[in-house]
């Protein structure tokens, strides 16, 4: 389909299950992913390498936390859309009993916009893969270029199938993290079927 795929081998400083990352328990699925790969690219999604450096989890999070935006300090950002200020982060404070943490999408391109997109890292990658399968049917799709059809906003109905995420939304678990702008609130209503 023309989506770039690049996977680097695992890093020696990959976090282990049960360890901490940025002072919080590491997401169990993210630790499992880092045990198999280092930095990676799938389509326009870039997975940060687990350690320091300009494309490493530690430095990216330190830089963005320096901007003192409340949702950023609640997350461990682990990836982004290539060359854009669209980030993905797990929320350690919302981990389940197995250490699985839900994923937020943070758009910092202009004004901060934050929405939950998956109940787990694995769920996010499943959603992204399904979304990319649909892109070739879009009228403006050109392999290797951005489409105007953007995840997660064009995928609300698919994301609504993540029942664990929907249950967390209905229980108010993301209150204080989701931004109150009209675009994110409209998206939330679509995911919740309201």
N, C-alpha and C. Protein backbone atom coordinates (compact mmCIF):
# COMPACT_ATOMS: atom_id res chain seq x y z
N UNK A 1 0.81 -1.20 0.00
CA UNK A 1 0.00 0.00 0.00
C UNK A 1 0.85 1.26 0.00
N UNK A 2 2.16 1.13 0.13
CA UNK A 2 3.00 2.31 0.11
C UNK A 2 3.28 2.90 1.47
N UNK A 3 2.94 2.21 2.57
CA UNK A 3 3.22 2.74 3.89
C UNK A 3 4.62 2.32 4.30
N UNK A 4 5.46 3.28 4.71
CA UNK A 4 6.81 2.91 5.13
C UNK A 4 6.78 2.08 6.42
N UNK A 5 7.68 1.12 6.50
CA UNK A 5 7.84 0.31 7.69
C UNK A 5 9.33 0.18 7.96
N UNK A 6 9.74 0.63 9.13
CA UNK A 6 11.13 0.52 9.53
C UNK A 6 11.16 0.13 11.00
N UNK A 7 11.91 -0.91 11.32
CA UNK A 7 12.00 -1.39 12.69
C UNK A 7 13.47 -1.57 13.04
N UNK A 8 13.88 -0.93 14.14
CA UNK A 8 15.24 -1.10 14.64
C UNK A 8 15.23 -2.19 15.71
N UNK A 9 16.38 -2.86 15.91
CA UNK A 9 16.42 -3.90 16.94
C UNK A 9 16.22 -3.31 18.34
N UNK A 10 15.85 -4.16 19.30
CA UNK A 10 15.62 -3.67 20.66
C UNK A 10 16.86 -2.99 21.21
N UNK A 11 16.63 -2.04 22.07
CA UNK A 11 17.70 -1.27 22.71
C UNK A 11 18.11 -1.92 24.03
N UNK A 12 19.36 -1.76 24.39
CA UNK A 12 19.85 -2.31 25.66
C UNK A 12 19.17 -1.65 26.86
N UNK A 13 18.69 -0.41 26.68
CA UNK A 13 18.05 0.29 27.80
C UNK A 13 16.52 0.19 27.76
N UNK A 14 16.00 -0.82 27.08
CA UNK A 14 14.55 -1.01 27.01
C UNK A 14 14.00 -1.28 28.41
N UNK A 15 12.89 -0.63 28.78
CA UNK A 15 12.31 -0.88 30.10
C UNK A 15 11.76 -2.30 30.20
N UNK A 16 11.89 -2.87 31.36
CA UNK A 16 11.40 -4.22 31.62
C UNK A 16 10.03 -4.15 32.30
N UNK A 17 9.17 -5.15 32.09
CA UNK A 17 7.90 -5.16 32.82
C UNK A 17 8.16 -5.06 34.32
N UNK A 18 7.39 -4.22 34.99
CA UNK A 18 7.56 -4.02 36.42
C UNK A 18 8.53 -2.90 36.77
N UNK A 19 9.26 -2.38 35.77
CA UNK A 19 10.19 -1.28 36.05
C UNK A 19 9.45 0.05 35.92
N UNK A 20 10.19 1.14 36.05
CA UNK A 20 9.58 2.46 35.91
C UNK A 20 10.14 3.17 34.68
N UNK A 21 9.36 4.10 34.20
CA UNK A 21 9.76 4.94 33.08
C UNK A 21 9.28 6.35 33.42
N UNK A 22 10.19 7.28 33.50
CA UNK A 22 9.88 8.66 33.90
C UNK A 22 9.22 8.70 35.28
N UNK A 23 9.67 7.83 36.16
CA UNK A 23 9.19 7.83 37.54
C UNK A 23 7.84 7.17 37.77
N UNK A 24 7.28 6.54 36.75
CA UNK A 24 5.99 5.86 36.90
C UNK A 24 6.13 4.43 36.39
N UNK A 25 5.25 3.53 36.83
CA UNK A 25 5.33 2.15 36.33
C UNK A 25 5.18 2.12 34.82
N UNK A 26 6.04 1.37 34.17
CA UNK A 26 5.98 1.27 32.71
C UNK A 26 4.76 0.44 32.30
N UNK A 27 4.11 0.87 31.26
CA UNK A 27 2.98 0.13 30.71
C UNK A 27 3.47 -1.26 30.31
N UNK A 28 2.76 -2.30 30.72
CA UNK A 28 3.21 -3.67 30.45
C UNK A 28 3.28 -3.97 28.95
N UNK A 29 2.34 -3.45 28.16
CA UNK A 29 2.37 -3.70 26.72
C UNK A 29 3.49 -2.92 26.03
N UNK A 30 3.73 -1.71 26.50
CA UNK A 30 4.82 -0.91 25.93
C UNK A 30 6.16 -1.56 26.25
N UNK A 31 6.33 -2.08 27.47
CA UNK A 31 7.56 -2.79 27.83
C UNK A 31 7.74 -4.02 26.94
N UNK A 32 6.65 -4.74 26.68
CA UNK A 32 6.72 -5.91 25.80
C UNK A 32 7.11 -5.53 24.39
N UNK A 33 6.57 -4.42 23.90
CA UNK A 33 6.92 -3.94 22.56
C UNK A 33 8.39 -3.58 22.50
N UNK A 34 8.87 -2.85 23.51
CA UNK A 34 10.28 -2.44 23.53
C UNK A 34 11.24 -3.62 23.70
N UNK A 35 10.74 -4.74 24.21
CA UNK A 35 11.61 -5.93 24.31
C UNK A 35 11.85 -6.55 22.93
N UNK A 36 10.98 -6.19 21.95
CA UNK A 36 11.09 -6.75 20.60
C UNK A 36 11.64 -5.76 19.56
N UNK A 37 11.41 -4.46 19.78
CA UNK A 37 11.86 -3.45 18.81
C UNK A 37 12.37 -2.22 19.54
N UNK A 38 13.23 -1.48 18.86
CA UNK A 38 13.67 -0.18 19.36
C UNK A 38 12.80 0.88 18.72
N UNK A 39 13.41 1.81 18.07
CA UNK A 39 12.67 2.83 17.32
C UNK A 39 12.02 2.17 16.12
N UNK A 40 10.81 2.64 15.76
CA UNK A 40 10.11 2.03 14.62
C UNK A 40 9.23 3.07 13.93
N UNK A 41 8.94 2.82 12.67
CA UNK A 41 8.04 3.65 11.89
C UNK A 41 7.06 2.73 11.18
N UNK A 42 5.77 3.06 11.29
CA UNK A 42 4.72 2.35 10.57
C UNK A 42 3.82 3.41 9.96
N UNK A 43 3.86 3.53 8.64
CA UNK A 43 3.12 4.62 8.01
C UNK A 43 3.70 5.93 8.49
N UNK A 44 2.84 6.80 9.02
CA UNK A 44 3.36 8.06 9.54
C UNK A 44 3.48 8.05 11.07
N UNK A 45 3.30 6.87 11.70
CA UNK A 45 3.49 6.74 13.14
C UNK A 45 4.94 6.41 13.44
N UNK A 46 5.55 7.17 14.36
CA UNK A 46 6.92 6.91 14.78
C UNK A 46 6.93 6.53 16.26
N UNK A 47 7.47 5.36 16.55
CA UNK A 47 7.66 4.90 17.93
C UNK A 47 9.01 5.40 18.39
N UNK A 48 9.05 6.13 19.51
CA UNK A 48 10.32 6.61 20.04
C UNK A 48 11.16 5.44 20.55
N UNK A 49 12.48 5.61 20.49
CA UNK A 49 13.36 4.63 21.12
C UNK A 49 13.19 4.77 22.63
N UNK A 50 13.44 3.72 23.40
CA UNK A 50 13.12 3.76 24.83
C UNK A 50 14.03 4.61 25.71
N UNK A 51 15.17 5.04 25.25
CA UNK A 51 16.11 5.77 26.11
C UNK A 51 16.19 7.25 25.81
N UNK A 52 17.38 7.82 26.02
CA UNK A 52 17.59 9.25 25.75
C UNK A 52 17.86 9.52 24.28
N UNK A 53 18.02 10.79 23.95
CA UNK A 53 18.32 11.20 22.59
C UNK A 53 17.16 11.96 21.99
N UNK A 54 17.38 12.62 20.86
CA UNK A 54 16.33 13.46 20.26
C UNK A 54 15.08 12.68 19.85
N UNK A 55 15.19 11.39 19.60
CA UNK A 55 14.02 10.57 19.27
C UNK A 55 13.78 9.50 20.32
N UNK A 56 14.20 9.81 21.54
CA UNK A 56 14.04 8.89 22.66
C UNK A 56 12.95 9.34 23.62
N UNK A 57 12.30 8.39 24.25
CA UNK A 57 11.20 8.67 25.19
C UNK A 57 11.62 9.68 26.25
N UNK A 58 12.81 9.53 26.81
CA UNK A 58 13.21 10.38 27.93
C UNK A 58 13.34 11.84 27.52
N UNK A 59 14.05 12.12 26.42
CA UNK A 59 14.26 13.51 26.01
C UNK A 59 13.00 14.16 25.46
N UNK A 60 12.21 13.41 24.68
CA UNK A 60 10.97 13.98 24.14
C UNK A 60 10.03 14.36 25.28
N UNK A 61 9.87 13.47 26.25
CA UNK A 61 8.98 13.77 27.38
C UNK A 61 9.51 14.93 28.21
N UNK A 62 10.81 14.99 28.45
CA UNK A 62 11.39 16.09 29.23
C UNK A 62 11.13 17.42 28.53
N UNK A 63 11.34 17.45 27.22
CA UNK A 63 11.14 18.68 26.46
C UNK A 63 9.68 19.12 26.51
N UNK A 64 8.76 18.19 26.27
CA UNK A 64 7.34 18.56 26.25
C UNK A 64 6.80 18.86 27.64
N UNK A 65 7.30 18.16 28.65
CA UNK A 65 6.85 18.47 30.02
C UNK A 65 7.31 19.86 30.44
N UNK A 66 8.39 20.33 29.85
CA UNK A 66 8.87 21.68 30.13
C UNK A 66 7.90 22.75 29.69
N UNK A 67 6.95 22.39 28.83
CA UNK A 67 5.93 23.35 28.37
C UNK A 67 4.81 23.49 29.40
N UNK A 68 4.83 22.64 30.43
CA UNK A 68 3.89 22.70 31.56
C UNK A 68 2.43 22.65 31.14
N UNK A 69 2.11 21.72 30.26
CA UNK A 69 0.72 21.47 29.89
C UNK A 69 0.23 20.28 30.71
N UNK A 70 -0.84 20.46 31.46
CA UNK A 70 -1.30 19.45 32.42
C UNK A 70 -1.40 18.03 31.86
N UNK A 71 -2.05 17.80 30.73
CA UNK A 71 -2.17 16.41 30.28
C UNK A 71 -0.82 15.76 29.96
N UNK A 72 0.15 16.55 29.52
CA UNK A 72 1.44 15.98 29.16
C UNK A 72 2.13 15.39 30.38
N UNK A 73 2.03 16.05 31.52
CA UNK A 73 2.69 15.53 32.72
C UNK A 73 1.99 14.29 33.28
N UNK A 74 0.77 14.00 32.83
CA UNK A 74 0.03 12.81 33.25
C UNK A 74 0.34 11.61 32.37
N UNK A 75 1.09 11.82 31.28
CA UNK A 75 1.34 10.79 30.27
C UNK A 75 2.82 10.45 30.17
N UNK A 76 3.05 9.32 29.53
CA UNK A 76 4.38 8.98 29.02
C UNK A 76 4.20 8.89 27.51
N UNK A 77 4.67 9.92 26.82
CA UNK A 77 4.55 9.95 25.37
C UNK A 77 5.52 8.94 24.78
N UNK A 78 5.02 8.10 23.87
CA UNK A 78 5.87 7.04 23.30
C UNK A 78 5.95 7.09 21.78
N UNK A 79 5.18 7.99 21.14
CA UNK A 79 5.22 8.08 19.69
C UNK A 79 4.51 9.31 19.19
N UNK A 80 4.66 9.55 17.89
CA UNK A 80 4.01 10.70 17.29
C UNK A 80 3.82 10.48 15.80
N UNK A 81 3.03 11.35 15.19
CA UNK A 81 2.89 11.37 13.75
C UNK A 81 4.13 12.08 13.22
N UNK A 82 4.79 11.49 12.25
CA UNK A 82 6.05 12.02 11.73
C UNK A 82 5.94 13.49 11.35
N UNK A 83 6.89 14.27 11.83
CA UNK A 83 7.04 15.68 11.49
C UNK A 83 5.88 16.58 11.91
N UNK A 84 4.98 16.09 12.72
CA UNK A 84 3.87 16.89 13.21
C UNK A 84 3.79 16.80 14.73
N UNK A 85 3.14 17.77 15.34
CA UNK A 85 3.00 17.79 16.79
C UNK A 85 1.75 17.04 17.23
N UNK A 86 1.61 15.79 16.75
CA UNK A 86 0.53 14.89 17.13
C UNK A 86 1.18 13.73 17.86
N UNK A 87 0.88 13.59 19.15
CA UNK A 87 1.58 12.63 20.00
C UNK A 87 0.63 11.57 20.55
N UNK A 88 1.22 10.44 20.95
CA UNK A 88 0.49 9.36 21.62
C UNK A 88 1.19 9.09 22.93
N UNK A 89 0.39 8.97 24.00
CA UNK A 89 0.96 8.70 25.30
C UNK A 89 0.08 7.80 26.13
N UNK A 90 0.73 6.95 26.94
CA UNK A 90 0.00 6.12 27.89
C UNK A 90 -0.21 6.93 29.17
N UNK A 91 -1.22 6.54 29.96
CA UNK A 91 -1.57 7.26 31.18
C UNK A 91 -1.35 6.32 32.38
N UNK A 92 -0.19 6.42 33.03
CA UNK A 92 0.11 5.51 34.15
C UNK A 92 -0.92 5.54 35.27
N UNK A 93 -1.50 6.71 35.54
CA UNK A 93 -2.49 6.83 36.61
C UNK A 93 -3.78 6.09 36.35
N UNK A 94 -3.98 5.62 35.11
CA UNK A 94 -5.20 4.89 34.76
C UNK A 94 -4.93 3.42 34.44
N UNK A 95 -3.79 2.90 34.89
CA UNK A 95 -3.43 1.50 34.62
C UNK A 95 -4.43 0.56 35.27
N UNK A 96 -4.68 -0.57 34.60
CA UNK A 96 -5.53 -1.59 35.20
C UNK A 96 -4.67 -2.51 36.08
N UNK A 97 -5.27 -3.55 36.63
CA UNK A 97 -4.56 -4.44 37.55
C UNK A 97 -3.39 -5.16 36.90
N UNK A 98 -3.40 -5.29 35.56
CA UNK A 98 -2.31 -5.95 34.84
C UNK A 98 -1.21 -4.97 34.41
N UNK A 99 -1.38 -3.70 34.74
CA UNK A 99 -0.40 -2.69 34.34
C UNK A 99 -0.62 -2.15 32.95
N UNK A 100 -1.78 -2.45 32.35
CA UNK A 100 -2.10 -1.96 31.00
C UNK A 100 -2.68 -0.55 31.14
N UNK A 101 -2.13 0.38 30.35
CA UNK A 101 -2.51 1.78 30.44
C UNK A 101 -3.21 2.23 29.15
N UNK A 102 -4.26 3.05 29.29
CA UNK A 102 -4.93 3.56 28.09
C UNK A 102 -4.06 4.59 27.37
N UNK A 103 -4.42 4.87 26.13
CA UNK A 103 -3.63 5.75 25.27
C UNK A 103 -4.41 7.01 24.93
N UNK A 104 -3.71 8.16 25.07
CA UNK A 104 -4.26 9.45 24.66
C UNK A 104 -3.61 9.90 23.37
N UNK A 105 -4.36 10.67 22.59
CA UNK A 105 -3.84 11.37 21.42
C UNK A 105 -3.79 12.84 21.81
N UNK A 106 -2.63 13.47 21.63
CA UNK A 106 -2.45 14.87 21.99
C UNK A 106 -2.03 15.65 20.74
N UNK A 107 -2.86 16.57 20.32
CA UNK A 107 -2.58 17.42 19.18
C UNK A 107 -2.07 18.75 19.73
N UNK A 108 -0.79 19.03 19.52
CA UNK A 108 -0.20 20.28 19.99
C UNK A 108 0.22 21.15 18.81
N UNK A 109 -0.35 20.86 17.63
CA UNK A 109 0.02 21.59 16.42
C UNK A 109 -0.30 23.08 16.56
N UNK A 110 -1.48 23.40 17.04
CA UNK A 110 -1.86 24.80 17.25
C UNK A 110 -2.30 24.96 18.70
N UNK A 111 -3.56 24.67 18.98
CA UNK A 111 -4.02 24.68 20.37
C UNK A 111 -4.07 23.24 20.86
N UNK A 112 -3.85 23.04 22.14
CA UNK A 112 -3.84 21.70 22.72
C UNK A 112 -5.21 21.05 22.58
N UNK A 113 -5.22 19.83 22.06
CA UNK A 113 -6.42 19.02 21.92
C UNK A 113 -6.05 17.61 22.39
N UNK A 114 -6.81 17.05 23.32
CA UNK A 114 -6.49 15.74 23.89
C UNK A 114 -7.74 14.87 23.91
N UNK A 115 -7.62 13.65 23.34
CA UNK A 115 -8.71 12.68 23.38
C UNK A 115 -8.14 11.28 23.63
N UNK A 116 -8.88 10.41 24.33
CA UNK A 116 -8.47 9.01 24.48
C UNK A 116 -8.73 8.26 23.18
N UNK A 117 -7.80 7.38 22.78
CA UNK A 117 -7.97 6.68 21.51
C UNK A 117 -7.93 5.16 21.61
N UNK A 118 -7.46 4.62 22.74
CA UNK A 118 -7.40 3.16 22.87
C UNK A 118 -7.28 2.79 24.35
N UNK A 119 -7.78 1.62 24.68
CA UNK A 119 -7.67 1.13 26.06
C UNK A 119 -6.30 0.55 26.35
N UNK A 120 -5.47 0.39 25.29
CA UNK A 120 -4.13 -0.19 25.46
C UNK A 120 -3.26 0.15 24.26
N UNK A 121 -1.96 -0.04 24.41
CA UNK A 121 -1.02 0.16 23.31
C UNK A 121 -1.35 -0.81 22.18
N UNK A 122 -1.62 -2.06 22.51
CA UNK A 122 -1.99 -3.04 21.47
C UNK A 122 -3.25 -2.58 20.74
N UNK A 123 -4.22 -2.07 21.48
CA UNK A 123 -5.45 -1.57 20.86
C UNK A 123 -5.18 -0.42 19.92
N UNK A 124 -4.24 0.46 20.28
CA UNK A 124 -3.89 1.57 19.40
C UNK A 124 -3.33 1.05 18.08
N UNK A 125 -2.39 0.11 18.15
CA UNK A 125 -1.79 -0.40 16.92
C UNK A 125 -2.81 -1.14 16.06
N UNK A 126 -3.74 -1.84 16.69
CA UNK A 126 -4.82 -2.48 15.92
C UNK A 126 -5.67 -1.43 15.22
N UNK A 127 -6.01 -0.35 15.94
CA UNK A 127 -6.81 0.72 15.35
C UNK A 127 -6.07 1.39 14.19
N UNK A 128 -4.78 1.68 14.39
CA UNK A 128 -4.00 2.31 13.33
C UNK A 128 -3.91 1.42 12.09
N UNK A 129 -3.72 0.12 12.30
CA UNK A 129 -3.63 -0.81 11.17
C UNK A 129 -4.95 -0.85 10.39
N UNK A 130 -6.07 -0.92 11.11
CA UNK A 130 -7.37 -0.92 10.43
C UNK A 130 -7.62 0.38 9.70
N UNK A 131 -7.21 1.49 10.32
CA UNK A 131 -7.38 2.79 9.70
C UNK A 131 -6.57 2.89 8.41
N UNK A 132 -5.32 2.42 8.44
CA UNK A 132 -4.48 2.47 7.25
C UNK A 132 -5.01 1.58 6.13
N UNK A 133 -5.69 0.50 6.50
CA UNK A 133 -6.32 -0.36 5.48
C UNK A 133 -7.40 0.39 4.70
N UNK A 134 -8.04 1.36 5.35
CA UNK A 134 -9.12 2.12 4.72
C UNK A 134 -8.61 3.26 3.85
N UNK A 135 -7.43 3.79 4.13
CA UNK A 135 -6.93 4.97 3.44
C UNK A 135 -6.86 4.85 1.91
N UNK A 136 -6.45 3.70 1.35
CA UNK A 136 -6.39 3.64 -0.12
C UNK A 136 -7.72 3.91 -0.80
N UNK A 137 -8.82 3.79 -0.10
CA UNK A 137 -10.13 4.08 -0.67
C UNK A 137 -10.50 5.56 -0.63
N UNK A 138 -9.67 6.38 0.04
CA UNK A 138 -9.96 7.80 0.14
C UNK A 138 -9.58 8.51 -1.16
N UNK A 139 -10.38 9.49 -1.61
CA UNK A 139 -10.12 10.13 -2.90
C UNK A 139 -8.78 10.85 -2.99
N UNK A 140 -8.26 11.37 -1.88
CA UNK A 140 -7.00 12.12 -1.94
C UNK A 140 -5.79 11.27 -1.57
N UNK A 141 -5.96 9.95 -1.47
CA UNK A 141 -4.86 9.09 -1.04
C UNK A 141 -3.80 8.96 -2.13
N UNK A 142 -2.56 9.25 -1.75
CA UNK A 142 -1.40 9.03 -2.60
C UNK A 142 -0.37 8.32 -1.73
N UNK A 143 0.07 7.11 -2.11
CA UNK A 143 1.03 6.39 -1.27
C UNK A 143 2.24 7.26 -0.91
N UNK A 144 2.60 7.23 0.39
CA UNK A 144 3.75 7.98 0.87
C UNK A 144 3.46 9.43 1.21
N UNK A 145 2.21 9.86 1.06
CA UNK A 145 1.84 11.23 1.39
C UNK A 145 0.71 11.24 2.40
N UNK A 146 0.60 12.33 3.13
CA UNK A 146 -0.48 12.47 4.11
C UNK A 146 -1.82 12.59 3.41
N UNK A 147 -2.82 12.01 4.00
CA UNK A 147 -4.19 12.15 3.53
C UNK A 147 -4.88 13.19 4.40
N UNK A 148 -5.94 13.80 3.90
CA UNK A 148 -6.70 14.72 4.74
C UNK A 148 -7.59 13.95 5.71
N UNK A 149 -7.71 12.65 5.52
CA UNK A 149 -8.45 11.79 6.44
C UNK A 149 -7.49 11.45 7.58
N UNK A 150 -7.76 12.00 8.75
CA UNK A 150 -6.80 11.90 9.86
C UNK A 150 -7.32 11.02 11.00
N UNK A 151 -6.43 10.19 11.52
CA UNK A 151 -6.69 9.44 12.73
C UNK A 151 -6.43 10.38 13.89
N UNK A 152 -7.22 10.38 14.93
CA UNK A 152 -8.35 9.51 15.25
C UNK A 152 -9.72 10.06 14.83
N UNK A 153 -9.77 11.29 14.33
CA UNK A 153 -11.07 11.94 14.12
C UNK A 153 -11.90 11.29 13.03
N UNK A 154 -11.26 10.68 12.06
CA UNK A 154 -12.00 9.98 11.00
C UNK A 154 -12.30 8.53 11.40
N UNK A 155 -11.94 8.15 12.61
CA UNK A 155 -12.10 6.76 13.05
C UNK A 155 -12.93 6.62 14.32
N UNK A 156 -13.76 7.60 14.63
CA UNK A 156 -14.54 7.55 15.87
C UNK A 156 -15.38 6.29 16.00
N UNK A 157 -16.03 5.89 14.92
CA UNK A 157 -16.89 4.70 14.98
C UNK A 157 -16.08 3.44 15.24
N UNK A 158 -14.90 3.34 14.67
CA UNK A 158 -14.03 2.19 14.93
C UNK A 158 -13.53 2.20 16.37
N UNK A 159 -13.13 3.37 16.84
CA UNK A 159 -12.63 3.49 18.21
C UNK A 159 -13.75 3.16 19.20
N UNK A 160 -14.99 3.46 18.84
CA UNK A 160 -16.13 3.15 19.70
C UNK A 160 -16.30 1.65 19.92
N UNK A 161 -15.65 0.82 19.11
CA UNK A 161 -15.72 -0.63 19.28
C UNK A 161 -14.78 -1.13 20.37
N UNK A 162 -13.91 -0.26 20.89
CA UNK A 162 -13.02 -0.60 22.01
C UNK A 162 -13.86 -0.47 23.28
N UNK A 163 -14.53 -1.54 23.67
CA UNK A 163 -15.49 -1.48 24.78
C UNK A 163 -14.83 -1.08 26.10
N UNK A 164 -13.60 -1.50 26.33
CA UNK A 164 -12.92 -1.11 27.58
C UNK A 164 -12.71 0.40 27.62
N UNK A 165 -12.34 0.98 26.49
CA UNK A 165 -12.16 2.43 26.42
C UNK A 165 -13.48 3.15 26.66
N UNK A 166 -14.53 2.69 26.00
CA UNK A 166 -15.85 3.32 26.16
C UNK A 166 -16.30 3.24 27.62
N UNK A 167 -16.08 2.11 28.26
CA UNK A 167 -16.44 1.98 29.68
C UNK A 167 -15.68 2.98 30.53
N UNK A 168 -14.38 3.17 30.24
CA UNK A 168 -13.58 4.15 30.98
C UNK A 168 -14.10 5.57 30.74
N UNK A 169 -14.49 5.86 29.51
CA UNK A 169 -15.04 7.18 29.21
C UNK A 169 -16.34 7.41 29.97
N UNK A 170 -17.22 6.43 29.95
CA UNK A 170 -18.51 6.56 30.64
C UNK A 170 -18.33 6.70 32.15
N UNK A 171 -17.29 6.08 32.69
CA UNK A 171 -17.02 6.16 34.13
C UNK A 171 -16.32 7.46 34.51
N UNK A 172 -15.99 8.30 33.51
CA UNK A 172 -15.35 9.58 33.81
C UNK A 172 -13.87 9.47 34.13
N UNK A 173 -13.24 8.36 33.75
CA UNK A 173 -11.82 8.16 34.08
C UNK A 173 -10.89 9.16 33.40
N UNK A 174 -11.33 9.75 32.28
CA UNK A 174 -10.49 10.70 31.54
C UNK A 174 -10.84 12.15 31.84
N UNK A 175 -11.77 12.38 32.78
CA UNK A 175 -12.14 13.74 33.13
C UNK A 175 -10.89 14.50 33.59
N UNK A 176 -10.73 15.69 33.10
CA UNK A 176 -9.56 16.51 33.42
C UNK A 176 -8.43 16.32 32.43
N UNK A 177 -8.49 15.28 31.61
CA UNK A 177 -7.46 15.06 30.59
C UNK A 177 -7.96 15.47 29.21
N UNK A 178 -9.22 15.19 28.91
CA UNK A 178 -9.80 15.52 27.62
C UNK A 178 -10.02 17.03 27.56
N UNK A 179 -9.63 17.64 26.45
CA UNK A 179 -9.83 19.08 26.30
C UNK A 179 -11.30 19.39 26.03
N UNK A 180 -11.70 20.61 26.33
CA UNK A 180 -13.11 20.99 26.26
C UNK A 180 -13.48 21.69 24.96
N UNK A 181 -12.59 21.72 23.96
CA UNK A 181 -12.89 22.37 22.70
C UNK A 181 -14.00 21.62 21.97
N UNK A 182 -14.61 22.27 21.01
CA UNK A 182 -15.75 21.68 20.31
C UNK A 182 -15.37 20.43 19.51
N UNK A 183 -14.19 20.44 18.87
CA UNK A 183 -13.80 19.29 18.05
C UNK A 183 -13.64 18.03 18.90
N UNK A 184 -12.95 18.14 20.03
CA UNK A 184 -12.76 16.95 20.86
C UNK A 184 -14.06 16.51 21.52
N UNK A 185 -14.91 17.45 21.91
CA UNK A 185 -16.18 17.10 22.52
C UNK A 185 -17.12 16.43 21.51
N UNK A 186 -17.12 16.91 20.27
CA UNK A 186 -17.93 16.29 19.21
C UNK A 186 -17.44 14.85 18.96
N UNK A 187 -16.13 14.68 18.92
CA UNK A 187 -15.54 13.35 18.73
C UNK A 187 -15.92 12.42 19.88
N UNK A 188 -15.87 12.93 21.10
CA UNK A 188 -16.23 12.13 22.28
C UNK A 188 -17.70 11.68 22.17
N UNK A 189 -18.58 12.55 21.76
CA UNK A 189 -20.00 12.18 21.61
C UNK A 189 -20.16 11.07 20.57
N UNK A 190 -19.40 11.16 19.48
CA UNK A 190 -19.49 10.11 18.45
C UNK A 190 -18.99 8.78 18.99
N UNK A 191 -17.89 8.78 19.74
CA UNK A 191 -17.36 7.54 20.30
C UNK A 191 -18.36 6.94 21.29
N UNK A 192 -18.99 7.80 22.06
CA UNK A 192 -19.95 7.32 23.07
C UNK A 192 -21.34 7.04 22.47
N UNK A 193 -21.51 7.32 21.20
CA UNK A 193 -22.80 7.06 20.56
C UNK A 193 -23.89 7.99 21.01
N UNK A 194 -23.54 9.20 21.39
CA UNK A 194 -24.54 10.18 21.86
C UNK A 194 -25.02 11.09 20.75
